[in-house]
Amino acid sequence: MQEQYELFRRELYDEFGPYVPLSRVWRKLSYPSLDAARKAASRGLLPIPCVSLPGRRGTFLLSLDVAAWLSDAVQRAERPALVKSGHLP
């Protein structure tokens, strides 16, 4: 899991820096549209805390938080497959 996190963290930070615009990662967070992700953010329902940056329009997420959420999502998705195949109890 740590390797997956480091990969996501490095990719996100290299592309966006410390803050990732919601408009660039809504698909990675499994939202059907940017509008749905924006509504979730305005209602406080995003799975990751969001921030507003002074002098910038839009909603932003910390790249470290996005990387952690993505690595957890990958781990959750892999676990049922491993249990089903008999590799985990």
N, C-alpha and C. Protein backbone atom coordinates (compact mmCIF):
# COMPACT_ATOMS: atom_id res chain seq x y z
N MET A 1 0.83 -1.20 0.00
CA MET A 1 0.00 0.00 0.00
C MET A 1 0.87 1.25 0.00
N GLN A 2 1.95 1.25 0.74
CA GLN A 2 2.84 2.40 0.80
C GLN A 2 3.41 2.72 -0.58
N GLU A 3 3.75 1.67 -1.35
CA GLU A 3 4.28 1.88 -2.70
C GLU A 3 3.24 2.55 -3.58
N GLN A 4 1.99 2.09 -3.48
CA GLN A 4 0.91 2.68 -4.26
C GLN A 4 0.71 4.14 -3.89
N TYR A 5 0.72 4.42 -2.59
CA TYR A 5 0.57 5.80 -2.12
C TYR A 5 1.68 6.68 -2.67
N GLU A 6 2.92 6.22 -2.58
CA GLU A 6 4.06 7.00 -3.07
C GLU A 6 3.95 7.27 -4.56
N LEU A 7 3.50 6.29 -5.31
CA LEU A 7 3.32 6.47 -6.76
C LEU A 7 2.27 7.55 -7.04
N PHE A 8 1.11 7.44 -6.40
CA PHE A 8 0.06 8.44 -6.59
C PHE A 8 0.53 9.82 -6.13
N ARG A 9 1.18 9.87 -4.97
CA ARG A 9 1.65 11.15 -4.43
C ARG A 9 2.61 11.83 -5.39
N ARG A 10 3.55 11.06 -5.89
CA ARG A 10 4.56 11.62 -6.79
C ARG A 10 3.91 12.11 -8.09
N GLU A 11 3.03 11.31 -8.66
CA GLU A 11 2.37 11.71 -9.91
C GLU A 11 1.53 12.97 -9.73
N LEU A 12 0.75 13.01 -8.68
CA LEU A 12 -0.09 14.19 -8.44
C LEU A 12 0.73 15.43 -8.15
N TYR A 13 1.74 15.28 -7.31
CA TYR A 13 2.56 16.43 -6.95
C TYR A 13 3.35 16.94 -8.15
N ASP A 14 3.86 16.03 -8.98
CA ASP A 14 4.61 16.44 -10.16
C ASP A 14 3.73 17.20 -11.15
N GLU A 15 2.48 16.78 -11.28
CA GLU A 15 1.58 17.43 -12.24
C GLU A 15 0.94 18.70 -11.69
N PHE A 16 0.54 18.69 -10.40
CA PHE A 16 -0.25 19.80 -9.88
C PHE A 16 0.41 20.59 -8.76
N GLY A 17 1.40 20.04 -8.10
CA GLY A 17 1.96 20.67 -6.91
C GLY A 17 1.17 20.25 -5.69
N PRO A 18 1.18 21.06 -4.63
CA PRO A 18 0.53 20.65 -3.39
C PRO A 18 -1.00 20.66 -3.44
N TYR A 19 -1.58 21.41 -4.37
CA TYR A 19 -3.04 21.51 -4.46
C TYR A 19 -3.53 21.05 -5.82
N VAL A 20 -4.52 20.17 -5.80
CA VAL A 20 -5.09 19.62 -7.03
C VAL A 20 -6.48 20.22 -7.22
N PRO A 21 -6.75 20.81 -8.39
CA PRO A 21 -8.10 21.33 -8.62
C PRO A 21 -9.11 20.19 -8.73
N LEU A 22 -10.24 20.35 -8.10
CA LEU A 22 -11.30 19.35 -8.19
C LEU A 22 -11.67 19.08 -9.64
N SER A 23 -11.59 20.11 -10.46
CA SER A 23 -11.94 19.96 -11.88
C SER A 23 -11.02 19.00 -12.62
N ARG A 24 -9.87 18.65 -12.03
CA ARG A 24 -8.93 17.74 -12.68
C ARG A 24 -8.98 16.32 -12.11
N VAL A 25 -9.63 16.12 -10.96
CA VAL A 25 -9.62 14.79 -10.35
C VAL A 25 -11.01 14.21 -10.05
N TRP A 26 -12.07 14.84 -10.50
CA TRP A 26 -13.40 14.35 -10.17
C TRP A 26 -13.64 12.94 -10.68
N ARG A 27 -13.08 12.59 -11.81
CA ARG A 27 -13.24 11.22 -12.33
C ARG A 27 -12.51 10.21 -11.44
N LYS A 28 -11.33 10.57 -10.97
CA LYS A 28 -10.56 9.69 -10.09
C LYS A 28 -11.29 9.44 -8.78
N LEU A 29 -12.12 10.38 -8.37
CA LEU A 29 -12.90 10.24 -7.13
C LEU A 29 -14.24 9.54 -7.38
N SER A 30 -14.44 9.04 -8.59
CA SER A 30 -15.62 8.24 -8.97
C SER A 30 -16.92 9.04 -9.03
N TYR A 31 -16.84 10.31 -9.38
CA TYR A 31 -18.05 11.09 -9.58
C TYR A 31 -18.46 11.02 -11.05
N PRO A 32 -19.76 10.99 -11.33
CA PRO A 32 -20.21 10.88 -12.72
C PRO A 32 -19.99 12.14 -13.55
N SER A 33 -19.85 13.28 -12.86
CA SER A 33 -19.64 14.54 -13.59
C SER A 33 -18.95 15.54 -12.66
N LEU A 34 -18.39 16.56 -13.27
CA LEU A 34 -17.78 17.63 -12.47
C LEU A 34 -18.84 18.33 -11.64
N ASP A 35 -20.02 18.51 -12.21
CA ASP A 35 -21.10 19.16 -11.48
C ASP A 35 -21.46 18.36 -10.22
N ALA A 36 -21.51 17.05 -10.33
CA ALA A 36 -21.82 16.21 -9.16
C ALA A 36 -20.74 16.35 -8.10
N ALA A 37 -19.49 16.40 -8.51
CA ALA A 37 -18.38 16.57 -7.57
C ALA A 37 -18.46 17.94 -6.90
N ARG A 38 -18.79 18.97 -7.67
CA ARG A 38 -18.91 20.31 -7.10
C ARG A 38 -20.05 20.39 -6.09
N LYS A 39 -21.17 19.73 -6.40
CA LYS A 39 -22.29 19.72 -5.46
C LYS A 39 -21.90 18.99 -4.18
N ALA A 40 -21.20 17.87 -4.32
CA ALA A 40 -20.75 17.14 -3.13
C ALA A 40 -19.82 18.01 -2.30
N ALA A 41 -18.93 18.75 -2.95
CA ALA A 41 -18.01 19.64 -2.23
C ALA A 41 -18.78 20.73 -1.50
N SER A 42 -19.77 21.32 -2.15
CA SER A 42 -20.53 22.40 -1.52
C SER A 42 -21.34 21.90 -0.34
N ARG A 43 -21.70 20.62 -0.35
CA ARG A 43 -22.46 20.02 0.75
C ARG A 43 -21.56 19.37 1.80
N GLY A 44 -20.27 19.43 1.57
CA GLY A 44 -19.33 18.82 2.52
C GLY A 44 -19.31 17.31 2.46
N LEU A 45 -19.63 16.74 1.30
CA LEU A 45 -19.74 15.29 1.16
C LEU A 45 -18.61 14.64 0.39
N LEU A 46 -17.59 15.39 0.03
CA LEU A 46 -16.44 14.78 -0.64
C LEU A 46 -15.73 13.85 0.33
N PRO A 47 -15.14 12.76 -0.17
CA PRO A 47 -14.42 11.86 0.72
C PRO A 47 -13.09 12.43 1.20
N ILE A 48 -12.71 13.58 0.67
CA ILE A 48 -11.45 14.23 0.99
C ILE A 48 -11.76 15.69 1.35
N PRO A 49 -11.14 16.23 2.38
CA PRO A 49 -11.37 17.65 2.70
C PRO A 49 -10.94 18.56 1.54
N CYS A 50 -11.70 19.60 1.30
CA CYS A 50 -11.35 20.54 0.24
C CYS A 50 -10.99 21.89 0.84
N VAL A 51 -10.27 22.66 0.07
CA VAL A 51 -9.83 23.98 0.52
C VAL A 51 -10.10 25.01 -0.57
N SER A 52 -10.20 26.24 -0.14
CA SER A 52 -10.26 27.38 -1.06
C SER A 52 -8.95 28.12 -0.94
N LEU A 53 -8.41 28.55 -2.06
CA LEU A 53 -7.14 29.26 -2.05
C LEU A 53 -7.38 30.73 -2.33
N PRO A 54 -6.78 31.61 -1.55
CA PRO A 54 -6.97 33.04 -1.77
C PRO A 54 -6.51 33.44 -3.18
N GLY A 55 -7.34 34.17 -3.86
CA GLY A 55 -7.00 34.65 -5.19
C GLY A 55 -7.18 33.61 -6.29
N ARG A 56 -7.70 32.44 -5.96
CA ARG A 56 -7.92 31.39 -6.96
C ARG A 56 -9.38 30.98 -6.95
N ARG A 57 -9.93 30.75 -8.12
CA ARG A 57 -11.30 30.30 -8.23
C ARG A 57 -11.32 28.78 -8.21
N GLY A 58 -12.36 28.22 -7.64
CA GLY A 58 -12.54 26.78 -7.66
C GLY A 58 -12.25 26.12 -6.32
N THR A 59 -12.39 24.82 -6.34
CA THR A 59 -12.19 24.00 -5.15
C THR A 59 -10.92 23.19 -5.35
N PHE A 60 -10.13 23.09 -4.30
CA PHE A 60 -8.85 22.38 -4.39
C PHE A 60 -8.77 21.32 -3.30
N LEU A 61 -7.99 20.28 -3.57
CA LEU A 61 -7.73 19.20 -2.63
C LEU A 61 -6.22 19.10 -2.46
N LEU A 62 -5.78 18.72 -1.29
CA LEU A 62 -4.36 18.50 -1.09
C LEU A 62 -3.94 17.25 -1.85
N SER A 63 -2.87 17.33 -2.60
CA SER A 63 -2.42 16.18 -3.39
C SER A 63 -2.11 14.99 -2.48
N LEU A 64 -1.63 15.23 -1.26
CA LEU A 64 -1.36 14.13 -0.33
C LEU A 64 -2.65 13.42 0.07
N ASP A 65 -3.72 14.17 0.27
CA ASP A 65 -5.01 13.57 0.63
C ASP A 65 -5.58 12.76 -0.53
N VAL A 66 -5.45 13.28 -1.74
CA VAL A 66 -5.94 12.55 -2.92
C VAL A 66 -5.16 11.26 -3.09
N ALA A 67 -3.85 11.32 -2.93
CA ALA A 67 -3.01 10.12 -3.06
C ALA A 67 -3.41 9.07 -2.02
N ALA A 68 -3.64 9.49 -0.79
CA ALA A 68 -4.04 8.55 0.27
C ALA A 68 -5.39 7.93 -0.05
N TRP A 69 -6.34 8.73 -0.51
CA TRP A 69 -7.67 8.21 -0.84
C TRP A 69 -7.58 7.21 -1.99
N LEU A 70 -6.82 7.54 -3.02
CA LEU A 70 -6.68 6.64 -4.17
C LEU A 70 -6.03 5.33 -3.77
N SER A 71 -4.97 5.38 -2.97
CA SER A 71 -4.31 4.14 -2.58
C SER A 71 -5.24 3.29 -1.70
N ASP A 72 -6.03 3.92 -0.84
CA ASP A 72 -7.02 3.17 -0.05
C ASP A 72 -8.09 2.55 -0.94
N ALA A 73 -8.52 3.30 -1.96
CA ALA A 73 -9.54 2.78 -2.88
C ALA A 73 -9.02 1.57 -3.65
N VAL A 74 -7.78 1.63 -4.08
CA VAL A 74 -7.18 0.49 -4.79
C VAL A 74 -7.10 -0.71 -3.86
N GLN A 75 -6.70 -0.48 -2.63
CA GLN A 75 -6.58 -1.59 -1.67
C GLN A 75 -7.95 -2.20 -1.39
N ARG A 76 -8.98 -1.37 -1.24
CA ARG A 76 -10.33 -1.89 -1.00
C ARG A 76 -10.83 -2.69 -2.19
N ALA A 77 -10.49 -2.25 -3.40
CA ALA A 77 -10.93 -2.95 -4.60
C ALA A 77 -10.21 -4.28 -4.77
N GLU A 78 -8.95 -4.35 -4.36
CA GLU A 78 -8.17 -5.57 -4.51
C GLU A 78 -8.52 -6.61 -3.45
N ARG A 79 -8.90 -6.19 -2.28
CA ARG A 79 -9.15 -7.12 -1.18
C ARG A 79 -10.25 -8.13 -1.51
N PRO A 80 -11.42 -7.74 -2.01
CA PRO A 80 -12.45 -8.75 -2.31
C PRO A 80 -11.95 -9.78 -3.35
N ALA A 81 -11.18 -9.33 -4.31
CA ALA A 81 -10.67 -10.26 -5.32
C ALA A 81 -9.71 -11.26 -4.69
N LEU A 82 -8.88 -10.81 -3.74
CA LEU A 82 -7.95 -11.72 -3.08
C LEU A 82 -8.68 -12.71 -2.17
N VAL A 83 -9.72 -12.25 -1.49
CA VAL A 83 -10.51 -13.12 -0.63
C VAL A 83 -11.21 -14.17 -1.49
N LYS A 84 -11.77 -13.74 -2.59
CA LYS A 84 -12.50 -14.64 -3.48
C LYS A 84 -11.58 -15.71 -4.07
N SER A 85 -10.35 -15.32 -4.37
CA SER A 85 -9.41 -16.26 -4.98
C SER A 85 -8.75 -17.18 -3.94
N GLY A 86 -9.01 -16.90 -2.64
CA GLY A 86 -8.46 -17.75 -1.59
C GLY A 86 -7.10 -17.33 -1.10
N HIS A 87 -6.61 -16.15 -1.53
CA HIS A 87 -5.29 -15.69 -1.09
C HIS A 87 -5.33 -14.96 0.24
N LEU A 88 -6.50 -14.57 0.70
CA LEU A 88 -6.65 -13.94 2.02
C LEU A 88 -7.77 -14.67 2.76
N PRO A 89 -7.72 -14.65 4.08
CA PRO A 89 -8.79 -15.31 4.85
C PRO A 89 -10.10 -14.56 4.76
